[in-house]
Amino acid sequence: MYFLLKPILFKFDPEKVHYFVTRNLKRFNCFPGGAALSRAIWAVNDPRLEREVFGLKFKNPVGLAAGFDKNADVISEMANLGFGFVEVGTVTPLPQDGNPKPRMFRLPADGGLINRMGFNNFGVDAAAENIAAYRKNASSAQKGLIIGGNIGKNKVTPNEEAVSDYIKCFDRLFDVVDYFVVNVSSPNTPGLRELQEKEPLMQLLNTLQQRNSKNGISRPILLKIAPDLTNSQLDDIVEIVQQSGIAGVIATNTTISRENLISPDKLKTETGGLSGKPLTERSTEVISYLAKRSKGTFPIIGVGGIHSPEDAMEKLAAGASLIQLYTGFIYEGPGLIGRINKKILAETR
């Protein structure tokens, strides 16, 4: 069914289509029997898909990457499509509009997307309230869904004060999420990637780790990194993760590279982060490098260019414990989630 709709949807602005689709998903799931029908069509349930990673039990290893559900308002709908976990955000302390529109561009010839959204979101309070509401109202079929909170800084906050923004998001979401992701790798907030340098990154992670306890509970903290880091910088990442004691890494965010694209120059020259198929090989390389250099001492969530079950299996074989979808989900539709889970089941027999 999705492939009948896709040619029509792809005729319109990607950001408008995103809101059109999510609004109608919510409507469908509100109809009597809609949520159950969605699960029956898309979800794959099998105990063999369960994974325990950084102390959390995941129903299956296929998650929704950050960026799709920025404000945590379609968690229920994503759960009904069969995702094993959902990462919301990136959220910032204060609401912000993000960059001027248009700010998202499809590259159909390359199977990619370029976005320069700029952390547009309603602020951390709105996200926290939405997650709490989901927790309260989740059906029995949705119980156990793992929710991650991807946190960042407001655009107007200077890097010297960035730690305070991350602290505000961390404290506000602590009671409602299962794990955190520190996002310092988006190319769409000016100066943000400078926080990936070793000294400021250690300061940020150590500060969050010092706050990571409430009533005897701590949350896994992960670091999301860019695919554009050199091997030397990846070596630093391994050292930083091990020294700070955070739970793991998400590899990778979008890339600023435009190598080997066949799309028209008008599209290729749009600024922003590139995701999708052009990122497939590089993100797998980063996963493999980190897994080998760290000797598997911390988990890796693999994301970037997963458009098929085979792409997913390559990420897992490279060293990823879990995977996430975004652009592949848009291009291939919700059926991709189930196809990946069925492939994993076939490989585990």
Foldseek 3Di string as FASTA:
>chain_A
DVVVCQVVLVVDQPVVSLVVVLVVLVVQCPPVCSLVVLLVVAADFDCVQWDQALNAIWRHQEEADEDSAAQLQCQSSVVSNHHRAYEYHQAWAAADQFDDPPAKDDQVQQLKIFGLRGRHYHHLLRSQVNLVVCVVPPDPSSPRHAYEYEYFYHLPDDLVCGLVGRVSNCVSNVVRHQAYEYEQAWPNRPPSVVCLDLPNVLVSLLVSVVVQADPRHGHAYEYEHALPDDLVSLLSVLVSCVVSVHAYYEFYDFYQDLPPRPGDPVRSPDGTGMFAQVFLVSSLVSLLSNCVSNVNPHAYEGETHPQALVSVVSSVVSGHSHYYDDSSCSVNHSNRSVRNSVVVVVVVD
